Amino acid sequence: MAMTVTLSSSRPLSSSNLQLLPKTLPTLNPHLVTRRSLLSSSAALLLSTPFLPLLSSSASPPPSAAPTFFEIPGSGGVKALDLREGYGEIPIDGDQVSIHYYGRLAAKQGWRFDSTYDHKDEMGNPVPFVFILGSGKVIPGIEAAVKSMKVSGVRRVIIPPSQGYQNTSQEPIPPNFFDRQRLFTTIFNPTRLANGEGSTLGTLIFDIELVSARHP
């Protein structure tokens, strides 16, 4: 039976009123789809969905700038779309980086399993996710995306299962127990994996903003 993957609207990634995710992904047959076809079909639909201005109305991107996905070199198949290029430094291994993100799971109709904007400090401000680049504690797809971003940049990435969660200790991990359980029971579902659905179960869509990078 065909499965329709639907992405709900999310709130802006930054104060520039950036609307990150489209409303729908294409209809997929989980028994016939391959990792390559999922990535290409997802990318095609994301490209066909108009984006709201990435910056303020006084600094909107030029109308001729058509967004295009590309495969990050050496990433193992991670597809990226730069929504805002950024103007700061490019981080290197060993840097402490902080990011804001929306994380979604394609196999659950685009379910948003985590967002840093839901993580608040005592003042009610969203808390970014902080990690050491190259430490191996974060899923490879996010590391690959961040390593080629500039500070203040915003990037959408489609992460294939091989570059996503390989175990339940890799970060970022949703703080809510039920969200973690739903995420990992979907990705590591033994019955569906045995049915050949491994190429779809762990496919992730992350929208990432690189907030800062600090050298040690």
N, C-alpha and C. Protein backbone atom coordinates (compact mmCIF):
# COMPACT_ATOMS: atom_id res chain seq x y z
N MET A 1 0.85 -1.19 0.00
CA MET A 1 0.00 0.00 0.00
C MET A 1 0.88 1.23 0.00
N ALA A 2 0.59 2.23 -0.81
CA ALA A 2 1.40 3.42 -0.92
C ALA A 2 1.33 4.23 0.36
N MET A 3 2.42 4.90 0.66
CA MET A 3 2.52 5.69 1.88
C MET A 3 2.76 7.14 1.49
N THR A 4 1.91 8.04 1.93
CA THR A 4 2.09 9.45 1.65
C THR A 4 2.79 10.11 2.81
N VAL A 5 3.90 10.76 2.53
CA VAL A 5 4.69 11.41 3.56
C VAL A 5 4.33 12.88 3.59
N THR A 6 3.82 13.37 4.71
CA THR A 6 3.37 14.75 4.82
C THR A 6 4.16 15.48 5.87
N LEU A 7 4.69 16.64 5.51
CA LEU A 7 5.42 17.45 6.45
C LEU A 7 4.54 18.60 6.90
N SER A 8 4.34 18.72 8.21
CA SER A 8 3.55 19.81 8.72
C SER A 8 4.37 21.08 8.73
N SER A 9 3.69 22.24 8.74
CA SER A 9 4.39 23.50 8.78
C SER A 9 5.06 23.66 10.12
N SER A 10 6.21 24.30 10.14
CA SER A 10 6.93 24.53 11.37
C SER A 10 7.14 26.01 11.55
N ARG A 11 7.46 26.43 12.76
CA ARG A 11 7.70 27.83 12.98
C ARG A 11 9.06 28.22 12.44
N PRO A 12 9.36 29.52 12.30
CA PRO A 12 10.58 29.97 11.65
C PRO A 12 11.82 29.45 12.36
N LEU A 13 12.86 29.22 11.57
CA LEU A 13 14.13 28.80 12.14
C LEU A 13 14.84 29.96 12.80
N SER A 14 14.64 31.17 12.30
CA SER A 14 15.29 32.32 12.89
C SER A 14 14.35 33.51 12.83
N SER A 15 14.81 34.65 13.34
CA SER A 15 13.98 35.83 13.41
C SER A 15 13.68 36.40 12.05
N SER A 16 14.30 35.87 11.02
CA SER A 16 14.06 36.35 9.67
C SER A 16 12.81 35.73 9.05
N ASN A 17 12.01 35.03 9.88
CA ASN A 17 10.77 34.42 9.40
C ASN A 17 10.99 33.42 8.29
N LEU A 18 12.01 32.62 8.44
CA LEU A 18 12.30 31.56 7.47
C LEU A 18 11.38 30.38 7.69
N GLN A 19 10.62 30.01 6.68
CA GLN A 19 9.77 28.82 6.74
C GLN A 19 10.54 27.70 6.09
N LEU A 20 10.94 26.68 6.89
CA LEU A 20 11.96 25.75 6.43
C LEU A 20 11.44 24.60 5.61
N LEU A 21 10.32 24.02 5.97
CA LEU A 21 9.96 22.77 5.34
C LEU A 21 8.70 22.89 4.50
N PRO A 22 8.63 22.19 3.38
CA PRO A 22 7.43 22.17 2.57
C PRO A 22 6.35 21.33 3.23
N LYS A 23 5.16 21.37 2.64
CA LYS A 23 4.04 20.68 3.26
C LYS A 23 3.97 19.20 2.91
N THR A 24 4.51 18.80 1.77
CA THR A 24 4.33 17.41 1.37
C THR A 24 5.60 16.84 0.77
N LEU A 25 5.73 15.54 0.93
CA LEU A 25 6.71 14.77 0.19
C LEU A 25 5.92 13.83 -0.73
N PRO A 26 6.54 13.32 -1.78
CA PRO A 26 5.81 12.50 -2.73
C PRO A 26 5.34 11.18 -2.15
N THR A 27 4.34 10.59 -2.81
CA THR A 27 3.83 9.29 -2.41
C THR A 27 4.85 8.21 -2.73
N LEU A 28 5.13 7.38 -1.75
CA LEU A 28 6.17 6.37 -1.90
C LEU A 28 5.61 4.99 -1.59
N ASN A 29 6.08 3.99 -2.31
CA ASN A 29 5.78 2.61 -1.97
C ASN A 29 6.97 2.08 -1.19
N PRO A 30 6.82 1.81 0.12
CA PRO A 30 7.96 1.42 0.94
C PRO A 30 8.61 0.12 0.52
N HIS A 31 7.90 -0.71 -0.27
CA HIS A 31 8.47 -2.00 -0.67
C HIS A 31 9.27 -1.88 -1.96
N LEU A 32 9.06 -0.78 -2.72
CA LEU A 32 9.72 -0.65 -4.00
C LEU A 32 10.76 0.45 -4.02
N VAL A 33 10.65 1.40 -3.11
CA VAL A 33 11.53 2.56 -3.15
C VAL A 33 12.95 2.19 -2.71
N THR A 34 13.93 2.82 -3.32
CA THR A 34 15.33 2.64 -2.94
C THR A 34 15.82 3.92 -2.30
N ARG A 35 16.99 3.85 -1.66
CA ARG A 35 17.54 5.06 -1.05
C ARG A 35 17.77 6.14 -2.10
N ARG A 36 18.28 5.75 -3.27
CA ARG A 36 18.54 6.73 -4.31
C ARG A 36 17.26 7.40 -4.78
N SER A 37 16.19 6.60 -5.00
CA SER A 37 14.94 7.18 -5.49
C SER A 37 14.28 8.04 -4.43
N LEU A 38 14.41 7.66 -3.16
CA LEU A 38 13.82 8.47 -2.10
C LEU A 38 14.49 9.82 -2.04
N LEU A 39 15.82 9.85 -2.12
CA LEU A 39 16.54 11.11 -2.06
C LEU A 39 16.21 11.99 -3.24
N SER A 40 16.18 11.40 -4.44
CA SER A 40 15.94 12.21 -5.62
C SER A 40 14.51 12.72 -5.65
N SER A 41 13.53 11.90 -5.26
CA SER A 41 12.14 12.34 -5.27
C SER A 41 11.89 13.38 -4.20
N SER A 42 12.50 13.20 -3.04
CA SER A 42 12.35 14.19 -1.98
C SER A 42 12.95 15.52 -2.41
N ALA A 43 14.13 15.45 -3.02
CA ALA A 43 14.79 16.67 -3.46
C ALA A 43 13.98 17.38 -4.51
N ALA A 44 13.40 16.60 -5.44
CA ALA A 44 12.60 17.22 -6.50
C ALA A 44 11.41 17.97 -5.93
N LEU A 45 10.76 17.40 -4.94
CA LEU A 45 9.60 18.08 -4.38
C LEU A 45 10.01 19.29 -3.56
N LEU A 46 11.10 19.17 -2.80
CA LEU A 46 11.57 20.31 -2.01
C LEU A 46 11.92 21.47 -2.92
N LEU A 47 12.50 21.17 -4.07
CA LEU A 47 12.84 22.22 -5.00
C LEU A 47 11.61 22.84 -5.62
N SER A 48 10.54 22.06 -5.79
CA SER A 48 9.35 22.58 -6.44
C SER A 48 8.50 23.42 -5.51
N THR A 49 8.79 23.41 -4.23
CA THR A 49 8.02 24.17 -3.26
C THR A 49 8.66 25.53 -3.06
N PRO A 50 7.93 26.62 -3.29
CA PRO A 50 8.53 27.94 -3.12
C PRO A 50 8.90 28.21 -1.67
N PHE A 51 10.04 28.85 -1.47
CA PHE A 51 10.47 29.21 -0.14
C PHE A 51 10.11 30.65 0.15
N LEU A 52 9.81 30.92 1.42
CA LEU A 52 9.64 32.29 1.85
C LEU A 52 11.01 32.95 1.90
N PRO A 53 11.05 34.28 1.89
CA PRO A 53 12.35 34.96 1.94
C PRO A 53 13.19 34.48 3.11
N LEU A 54 14.48 34.26 2.86
CA LEU A 54 15.37 33.76 3.88
C LEU A 54 15.80 34.85 4.84
N LEU A 55 15.85 36.07 4.34
CA LEU A 55 16.26 37.19 5.15
C LEU A 55 15.08 38.13 5.32
N SER A 56 15.31 39.28 5.89
CA SER A 56 14.25 40.26 6.04
C SER A 56 13.85 40.78 4.67
N SER A 57 12.71 41.45 4.60
CA SER A 57 12.21 41.91 3.31
C SER A 57 13.17 42.89 2.64
N SER A 58 14.00 43.55 3.44
CA SER A 58 14.95 44.51 2.88
C SER A 58 16.18 43.82 2.31
N ALA A 59 16.31 42.52 2.58
CA ALA A 59 17.50 41.81 2.10
C ALA A 59 17.13 40.45 1.56
N SER A 60 16.07 40.39 0.76
CA SER A 60 15.61 39.13 0.20
C SER A 60 16.57 38.66 -0.87
N PRO A 61 16.68 37.32 -1.07
CA PRO A 61 17.57 36.81 -2.11
C PRO A 61 17.07 37.22 -3.48
N PRO A 62 17.95 37.36 -4.46
CA PRO A 62 17.53 37.77 -5.80
C PRO A 62 16.59 36.76 -6.42
N PRO A 63 15.58 37.21 -7.19
CA PRO A 63 14.60 36.29 -7.77
C PRO A 63 15.23 35.23 -8.66
N SER A 64 16.39 35.52 -9.26
CA SER A 64 17.01 34.58 -10.19
C SER A 64 17.74 33.44 -9.48
N ALA A 65 17.89 33.54 -8.15
CA ALA A 65 18.64 32.52 -7.42
C ALA A 65 17.76 31.29 -7.19
N ALA A 66 17.88 30.29 -8.05
CA ALA A 66 17.09 29.08 -7.92
C ALA A 66 17.78 28.10 -6.98
N PRO A 67 17.10 27.63 -5.94
CA PRO A 67 17.74 26.70 -4.99
C PRO A 67 17.98 25.34 -5.64
N THR A 68 19.12 24.77 -5.39
CA THR A 68 19.45 23.46 -5.94
C THR A 68 20.13 22.60 -4.88
N PHE A 69 19.76 21.33 -4.85
CA PHE A 69 20.41 20.37 -3.98
C PHE A 69 21.73 19.92 -4.61
N PHE A 70 22.66 19.55 -3.75
CA PHE A 70 23.91 18.97 -4.21
C PHE A 70 24.33 17.92 -3.19
N GLU A 71 25.14 16.98 -3.63
CA GLU A 71 25.65 15.97 -2.72
C GLU A 71 26.95 16.46 -2.10
N ILE A 72 27.01 16.45 -0.78
CA ILE A 72 28.21 16.91 -0.09
C ILE A 72 29.34 15.90 -0.36
N PRO A 73 30.46 16.36 -0.89
CA PRO A 73 31.56 15.43 -1.20
C PRO A 73 32.02 14.66 0.05
N GLY A 74 32.20 13.35 -0.13
CA GLY A 74 32.69 12.51 0.94
C GLY A 74 31.72 12.29 2.09
N SER A 75 30.44 12.60 1.85
CA SER A 75 29.44 12.52 2.92
C SER A 75 28.69 11.20 2.98
N GLY A 76 28.89 10.34 1.99
CA GLY A 76 28.14 9.09 1.96
C GLY A 76 26.72 9.25 1.44
N GLY A 77 26.49 10.30 0.66
CA GLY A 77 25.18 10.46 0.03
C GLY A 77 24.28 11.51 0.66
N VAL A 78 24.81 12.36 1.51
CA VAL A 78 23.99 13.42 2.12
C VAL A 78 23.72 14.51 1.09
N LYS A 79 22.44 14.85 0.90
CA LYS A 79 22.03 15.90 -0.03
C LYS A 79 21.80 17.18 0.75
N ALA A 80 22.26 18.30 0.21
CA ALA A 80 22.15 19.57 0.91
C ALA A 80 21.57 20.65 0.01
N LEU A 81 20.86 21.57 0.63
CA LEU A 81 20.32 22.74 -0.05
C LEU A 81 20.61 23.94 0.84
N ASP A 82 21.41 24.87 0.36
CA ASP A 82 21.74 26.04 1.15
C ASP A 82 20.63 27.07 1.02
N LEU A 83 19.94 27.31 2.13
CA LEU A 83 18.87 28.30 2.17
C LEU A 83 19.41 29.69 2.47
N ARG A 84 20.51 29.72 3.20
CA ARG A 84 21.24 30.97 3.44
C ARG A 84 22.71 30.60 3.59
N GLU A 85 23.56 31.21 2.82
CA GLU A 85 24.95 30.78 2.76
C GLU A 85 25.73 31.09 4.03
N GLY A 86 25.44 32.18 4.68
CA GLY A 86 26.19 32.56 5.86
C GLY A 86 27.38 33.43 5.52
N TYR A 87 27.96 34.05 6.53
CA TYR A 87 29.06 34.98 6.28
C TYR A 87 30.21 34.79 7.26
N GLY A 88 30.12 33.82 8.17
CA GLY A 88 31.17 33.60 9.16
C GLY A 88 32.17 32.56 8.73
N GLU A 89 32.91 32.05 9.70
CA GLU A 89 33.94 31.05 9.42
C GLU A 89 33.33 29.68 9.14
N ILE A 90 34.13 28.85 8.46
CA ILE A 90 33.78 27.44 8.27
C ILE A 90 34.48 26.66 9.39
N PRO A 91 33.74 25.89 10.19
CA PRO A 91 34.36 25.18 11.32
C PRO A 91 35.24 24.03 10.86
N ILE A 92 36.14 23.62 11.74
CA ILE A 92 37.02 22.49 11.47
C ILE A 92 36.91 21.50 12.63
N ASP A 93 37.42 20.30 12.43
CA ASP A 93 37.41 19.30 13.49
C ASP A 93 38.05 19.85 14.76
N GLY A 94 37.42 19.58 15.87
CA GLY A 94 37.90 20.06 17.15
C GLY A 94 37.20 21.32 17.62
N ASP A 95 36.50 22.02 16.71
CA ASP A 95 35.77 23.22 17.10
C ASP A 95 34.53 22.84 17.89
N GLN A 96 34.17 23.72 18.82
CA GLN A 96 32.88 23.58 19.51
C GLN A 96 31.86 24.37 18.71
N VAL A 97 30.89 23.67 18.17
CA VAL A 97 29.89 24.33 17.34
C VAL A 97 28.53 24.27 18.02
N SER A 98 27.72 25.27 17.74
CA SER A 98 26.34 25.28 18.23
C SER A 98 25.42 25.47 17.04
N ILE A 99 24.35 24.70 17.02
CA ILE A 99 23.40 24.76 15.91
C ILE A 99 21.98 24.78 16.44
N HIS A 100 21.09 25.36 15.65
CA HIS A 100 19.66 25.16 15.83
C HIS A 100 19.21 24.22 14.71
N TYR A 101 18.23 23.39 14.98
CA TYR A 101 17.78 22.46 13.96
C TYR A 101 16.32 22.07 14.15
N TYR A 102 15.73 21.62 13.06
CA TYR A 102 14.49 20.86 13.05
C TYR A 102 14.85 19.48 12.51
N GLY A 103 14.50 18.43 13.23
CA GLY A 103 14.77 17.07 12.77
C GLY A 103 13.47 16.36 12.46
N ARG A 104 13.38 15.79 11.26
CA ARG A 104 12.16 15.10 10.83
C ARG A 104 12.48 13.71 10.31
N LEU A 105 11.51 12.83 10.41
CA LEU A 105 11.66 11.44 10.00
C LEU A 105 10.73 11.18 8.83
N ALA A 106 11.30 10.88 7.66
CA ALA A 106 10.49 10.70 6.47
C ALA A 106 9.53 9.52 6.59
N ALA A 107 9.94 8.47 7.30
CA ALA A 107 9.12 7.27 7.41
C ALA A 107 7.89 7.46 8.28
N LYS A 108 7.78 8.55 8.98
CA LYS A 108 6.61 8.83 9.83
C LYS A 108 5.89 10.07 9.35
N GLN A 109 5.66 10.14 8.03
CA GLN A 109 4.93 11.24 7.43
C GLN A 109 5.56 12.60 7.77
N GLY A 110 6.88 12.62 7.81
CA GLY A 110 7.55 13.88 8.08
C GLY A 110 7.43 14.33 9.52
N TRP A 111 7.24 13.38 10.42
CA TRP A 111 7.08 13.71 11.84
C TRP A 111 8.32 14.42 12.37
N ARG A 112 8.11 15.57 13.01
CA ARG A 112 9.21 16.31 13.63
C ARG A 112 9.50 15.69 14.99
N PHE A 113 10.60 14.98 15.07
CA PHE A 113 10.91 14.28 16.32
C PHE A 113 11.69 15.13 17.30
N ASP A 114 12.26 16.24 16.83
CA ASP A 114 13.00 17.10 17.76
C ASP A 114 13.25 18.44 17.11
N SER A 115 13.35 19.46 17.95
CA SER A 115 13.72 20.80 17.51
C SER A 115 14.37 21.53 18.67
N THR A 116 15.47 22.19 18.39
CA THR A 116 16.13 22.95 19.46
C THR A 116 15.27 24.11 19.94
N TYR A 117 14.34 24.54 19.13
CA TYR A 117 13.47 25.64 19.54
C TYR A 117 12.46 25.21 20.59
N ASP A 118 12.37 23.91 20.82
CA ASP A 118 11.55 23.40 21.92
C ASP A 118 12.34 23.26 23.20
N HIS A 119 13.65 23.45 23.14
CA HIS A 119 14.52 23.34 24.31
C HIS A 119 14.75 24.75 24.86
N LYS A 120 14.19 25.06 26.01
CA LYS A 120 14.23 26.42 26.54
C LYS A 120 15.04 26.50 27.82
N ASP A 121 15.72 27.64 28.01
CA ASP A 121 16.41 27.89 29.27
C ASP A 121 15.43 28.49 30.27
N GLU A 122 15.94 28.89 31.45
CA GLU A 122 15.06 29.40 32.50
C GLU A 122 14.40 30.72 32.11
N MET A 123 14.95 31.40 31.12
CA MET A 123 14.37 32.66 30.65
C MET A 123 13.40 32.45 29.49
N GLY A 124 13.25 31.19 29.08
CA GLY A 124 12.34 30.89 27.98
C GLY A 124 12.95 31.03 26.60
N ASN A 125 14.28 31.18 26.54
CA ASN A 125 14.96 31.32 25.25
C ASN A 125 15.37 29.95 24.71
N PRO A 126 15.27 29.73 23.39
CA PRO A 126 15.67 28.44 22.83
C PRO A 126 17.15 28.19 23.00
N VAL A 127 17.50 26.96 23.33
CA VAL A 127 18.89 26.59 23.59
C VAL A 127 19.43 25.79 22.41
N PRO A 128 20.51 26.26 21.77
CA PRO A 128 21.06 25.50 20.65
C PRO A 128 21.74 24.22 21.10
N PHE A 129 21.93 23.32 20.15
CA PHE A 129 22.63 22.07 20.40
C PHE A 129 24.13 22.31 20.22
N VAL A 130 24.93 21.92 21.20
CA VAL A 130 26.37 22.18 21.18
C VAL A 130 27.12 20.85 21.15
N PHE A 131 28.13 20.73 20.29
CA PHE A 131 28.94 19.52 20.23
C PHE A 131 30.31 19.85 19.66
N ILE A 132 31.23 18.92 19.83
CA ILE A 132 32.58 19.06 19.28
C ILE A 132 32.61 18.40 17.91
N LEU A 133 32.93 19.18 16.91
CA LEU A 133 32.96 18.66 15.55
C LEU A 133 34.09 17.64 15.39
N GLY A 134 33.75 16.48 14.86
CA GLY A 134 34.73 15.43 14.67
C GLY A 134 34.85 14.47 15.84
N SER A 135 34.02 14.66 16.88
CA SER A 135 34.09 13.80 18.06
C SER A 135 33.48 12.43 17.82
N GLY A 136 32.63 12.31 16.78
CA GLY A 136 31.98 11.04 16.49
C GLY A 136 30.75 10.76 17.33
N LYS A 137 30.35 11.71 18.16
CA LYS A 137 29.17 11.51 19.01
C LYS A 137 27.87 11.88 18.30
N VAL A 138 27.99 12.59 17.20
CA VAL A 138 26.83 13.07 16.46
C VAL A 138 26.71 12.26 15.17
N ILE A 139 25.48 12.06 14.68
CA ILE A 139 25.29 11.28 13.46
C ILE A 139 26.12 11.89 12.32
N PRO A 140 26.71 11.05 11.48
CA PRO A 140 27.62 11.53 10.43
C PRO A 140 27.00 12.55 9.49
N GLY A 141 25.71 12.42 9.20
CA GLY A 141 25.07 13.35 8.26
C GLY A 141 25.08 14.79 8.74
N ILE A 142 24.91 14.98 10.04
CA ILE A 142 24.96 16.34 10.59
C ILE A 142 26.40 16.86 10.58
N GLU A 143 27.35 16.00 10.95
CA GLU A 143 28.75 16.42 10.92
C GLU A 143 29.15 16.85 9.50
N ALA A 144 28.78 16.06 8.52
CA ALA A 144 29.12 16.38 7.13
C ALA A 144 28.52 17.71 6.71
N ALA A 145 27.29 17.96 7.13
CA ALA A 145 26.62 19.21 6.77
C ALA A 145 27.30 20.41 7.40
N VAL A 146 27.62 20.31 8.68
CA VAL A 146 28.18 21.44 9.41
C VAL A 146 29.61 21.75 8.95
N LYS A 147 30.36 20.73 8.59
CA LYS A 147 31.77 20.94 8.22
C LYS A 147 31.94 21.81 6.98
N SER A 148 30.92 21.92 6.18
CA SER A 148 31.04 22.74 4.96
C SER A 148 30.09 23.94 4.99
N MET A 149 29.63 24.31 6.17
CA MET A 149 28.78 25.49 6.32
C MET A 149 29.60 26.66 6.86
N LYS A 150 29.07 27.87 6.66
CA LYS A 150 29.62 29.06 7.28
C LYS A 150 28.73 29.45 8.45
N VAL A 151 29.32 30.03 9.47
CA VAL A 151 28.54 30.51 10.61
C VAL A 151 27.48 31.48 10.11
N SER A 152 26.27 31.33 10.64
CA SER A 152 25.04 32.06 10.29
C SER A 152 24.33 31.45 9.08
N GLY A 153 24.93 30.43 8.47
CA GLY A 153 24.30 29.79 7.33
C GLY A 153 23.15 28.89 7.74
N VAL A 154 22.23 28.65 6.81
CA VAL A 154 21.08 27.77 7.02
C VAL A 154 21.06 26.75 5.89
N ARG A 155 20.96 25.49 6.25
CA ARG A 155 21.05 24.41 5.26
C ARG A 155 20.01 23.34 5.55
N ARG A 156 19.39 22.86 4.50
CA ARG A 156 18.49 21.71 4.58
C ARG A 156 19.24 20.49 4.07
N VAL A 157 19.20 19.40 4.81
CA VAL A 157 19.90 18.19 4.39
C VAL A 157 18.97 16.99 4.44
N ILE A 158 19.11 16.12 3.45
CA ILE A 158 18.43 14.83 3.43
C ILE A 158 19.49 13.78 3.72
N ILE A 159 19.36 13.10 4.84
CA ILE A 159 20.39 12.19 5.33
C ILE A 159 19.94 10.75 5.13
N PRO A 160 20.66 9.97 4.32
CA PRO A 160 20.29 8.56 4.12
C PRO A 160 20.55 7.76 5.40
N PRO A 161 19.92 6.60 5.54
CA PRO A 161 20.07 5.80 6.76
C PRO A 161 21.52 5.51 7.14
N SER A 162 22.38 5.31 6.15
CA SER A 162 23.78 4.96 6.44
C SER A 162 24.52 6.09 7.14
N GLN A 163 24.01 7.32 7.01
CA GLN A 163 24.66 8.47 7.63
C GLN A 163 23.82 9.04 8.76
N GLY A 164 22.77 8.29 9.12
CA GLY A 164 21.91 8.71 10.22
C GLY A 164 22.20 7.92 11.48
N TYR A 165 21.14 7.56 12.20
CA TYR A 165 21.30 6.85 13.47
C TYR A 165 21.65 5.39 13.24
N GLN A 166 22.78 4.98 13.79
CA GLN A 166 23.20 3.59 13.75
C GLN A 166 22.98 2.90 15.09
N ASN A 167 22.79 3.68 16.13
CA ASN A 167 22.49 3.16 17.46
C ASN A 167 21.75 4.23 18.25
N THR A 168 21.29 3.88 19.42
CA THR A 168 20.44 4.79 20.19
C THR A 168 21.22 5.75 21.08
N SER A 169 22.53 5.77 20.96
CA SER A 169 23.32 6.69 21.77
C SER A 169 23.86 7.86 20.96
N GLN A 170 23.69 7.82 19.65
CA GLN A 170 24.18 8.92 18.82
C GLN A 170 23.31 10.15 19.00
N GLU A 171 23.93 11.30 18.98
CA GLU A 171 23.22 12.55 19.13
C GLU A 171 22.94 13.17 17.76
N PRO A 172 21.98 14.09 17.70
CA PRO A 172 21.13 14.59 18.79
C PRO A 172 20.01 13.62 19.13
N ILE A 173 19.73 13.51 20.41
CA ILE A 173 18.69 12.60 20.90
C ILE A 173 17.54 13.43 21.46
N PRO A 174 16.30 13.17 21.03
CA PRO A 174 15.17 13.91 21.60
C PRO A 174 15.12 13.77 23.11
N PRO A 175 14.92 14.85 23.85
CA PRO A 175 14.91 14.76 25.31
C PRO A 175 13.68 14.05 25.85
N ASN A 176 12.60 14.04 25.08
CA ASN A 176 11.37 13.40 25.52
C ASN A 176 11.46 11.89 25.29
N PHE A 177 11.18 11.12 26.34
CA PHE A 177 11.31 9.66 26.26
C PHE A 177 10.44 9.07 25.16
N PHE A 178 9.21 9.54 25.04
CA PHE A 178 8.28 8.97 24.06
C PHE A 178 8.71 9.31 22.64
N ASP A 179 9.29 10.49 22.44
CA ASP A 179 9.81 10.84 21.12
C ASP A 179 11.00 9.96 20.77
N ARG A 180 11.89 9.72 21.74
CA ARG A 180 13.03 8.83 21.50
C ARG A 180 12.56 7.43 21.16
N GLN A 181 11.59 6.94 21.92
CA GLN A 181 11.08 5.59 21.70
C GLN A 181 10.47 5.46 20.30
N ARG A 182 9.67 6.43 19.92
CA ARG A 182 9.03 6.38 18.61
C ARG A 182 10.07 6.47 17.49
N LEU A 183 11.07 7.32 17.68
CA LEU A 183 12.12 7.47 16.67
C LEU A 183 12.87 6.17 16.46
N PHE A 184 13.35 5.58 17.53
CA PHE A 184 14.22 4.41 17.41
C PHE A 184 13.45 3.13 17.11
N THR A 185 12.22 3.01 17.58
CA THR A 185 11.45 1.81 17.22
C THR A 185 11.06 1.84 15.74
N THR A 186 10.98 3.03 15.16
CA THR A 186 10.73 3.12 13.72
C THR A 186 11.97 2.77 12.92
N ILE A 187 13.10 3.39 13.26
CA ILE A 187 14.33 3.19 12.51
C ILE A 187 14.83 1.74 12.60
N PHE A 188 14.73 1.17 13.80
CA PHE A 188 15.28 -0.17 14.03
C PHE A 188 14.19 -1.23 14.13
N ASN A 189 13.07 -1.02 13.46
CA ASN A 189 11.97 -1.97 13.47
C ASN A 189 12.39 -3.27 12.78
N PRO A 190 12.53 -4.37 13.51
CA PRO A 190 13.08 -5.59 12.91
C PRO A 190 12.19 -6.18 11.82
N THR A 191 10.88 -6.09 11.98
CA THR A 191 9.98 -6.65 10.97
C THR A 191 10.09 -5.90 9.66
N ARG A 192 10.05 -4.59 9.73
CA ARG A 192 10.13 -3.78 8.51
C ARG A 192 11.51 -3.85 7.88
N LEU A 193 12.54 -3.96 8.70
CA LEU A 193 13.88 -4.15 8.15
C LEU A 193 13.97 -5.47 7.39
N ALA A 194 13.36 -6.51 7.96
CA ALA A 194 13.36 -7.82 7.30
C ALA A 194 12.57 -7.79 6.00
N ASN A 195 11.61 -6.88 5.89
CA ASN A 195 10.81 -6.75 4.68
C ASN A 195 11.49 -5.89 3.61
N GLY A 196 12.72 -5.49 3.88
CA GLY A 196 13.47 -4.72 2.90
C GLY A 196 13.23 -3.23 2.92
N GLU A 197 12.72 -2.70 4.02
CA GLU A 197 12.41 -1.28 4.10
C GLU A 197 13.54 -0.46 4.74
N GLY A 198 14.71 -1.05 4.88
CA GLY A 198 15.81 -0.36 5.53
C GLY A 198 16.25 0.91 4.82
N SER A 199 16.01 0.99 3.51
CA SER A 199 16.43 2.17 2.76
C SER A 199 15.53 3.36 3.00
N THR A 200 14.41 3.17 3.67
CA THR A 200 13.49 4.29 3.94
C THR A 200 13.35 4.60 5.42
N LEU A 201 13.49 3.60 6.28
CA LEU A 201 13.15 3.80 7.69
C LEU A 201 13.98 4.88 8.36
N GLY A 202 15.26 4.93 8.06
CA GLY A 202 16.14 5.84 8.77
C GLY A 202 16.45 7.12 8.03
N THR A 203 15.73 7.42 6.95
CA THR A 203 16.00 8.65 6.21
C THR A 203 15.53 9.86 7.01
N LEU A 204 16.43 10.82 7.19
CA LEU A 204 16.16 12.00 8.02
C LEU A 204 16.20 13.26 7.17
N ILE A 205 15.42 14.25 7.60
CA ILE A 205 15.47 15.59 7.00
C ILE A 205 15.77 16.57 8.12
N PHE A 206 16.91 17.23 8.03
CA PHE A 206 17.30 18.21 9.04
C PHE A 206 17.43 19.58 8.40
N ASP A 207 16.89 20.58 9.06
CA ASP A 207 17.15 21.97 8.72
C ASP A 207 18.05 22.52 9.82
N ILE A 208 19.21 23.00 9.42
CA ILE A 208 20.27 23.35 10.37
C ILE A 208 20.69 24.80 10.18
N GLU A 209 20.80 25.51 11.29
CA GLU A 209 21.40 26.84 11.29
C GLU A 209 22.68 26.78 12.13
N LEU A 210 23.80 27.12 11.54
CA LEU A 210 25.08 27.13 12.27
C LEU A 210 25.19 28.46 13.03
N VAL A 211 25.03 28.40 14.34
CA VAL A 211 24.99 29.61 15.16
C VAL A 211 26.39 30.12 15.47
N SER A 212 27.29 29.21 15.83
CA SER A 212 28.64 29.66 16.19
C SER A 212 29.62 28.50 16.07
N ALA A 213 30.90 28.86 15.98
CA ALA A 213 31.99 27.88 15.98
C ALA A 213 33.15 28.48 16.76
N ARG A 214 33.62 27.75 17.76
CA ARG A 214 34.69 28.26 18.61
C ARG A 214 35.90 27.31 18.54
N HIS A 215 37.05 27.90 18.26
CA HIS A 215 38.28 27.11 18.23
C HIS A 215 38.72 26.79 19.65
N PRO A 216 39.32 25.62 19.88
CA PRO A 216 39.75 25.26 21.24
C PRO A 216 40.92 26.14 21.71
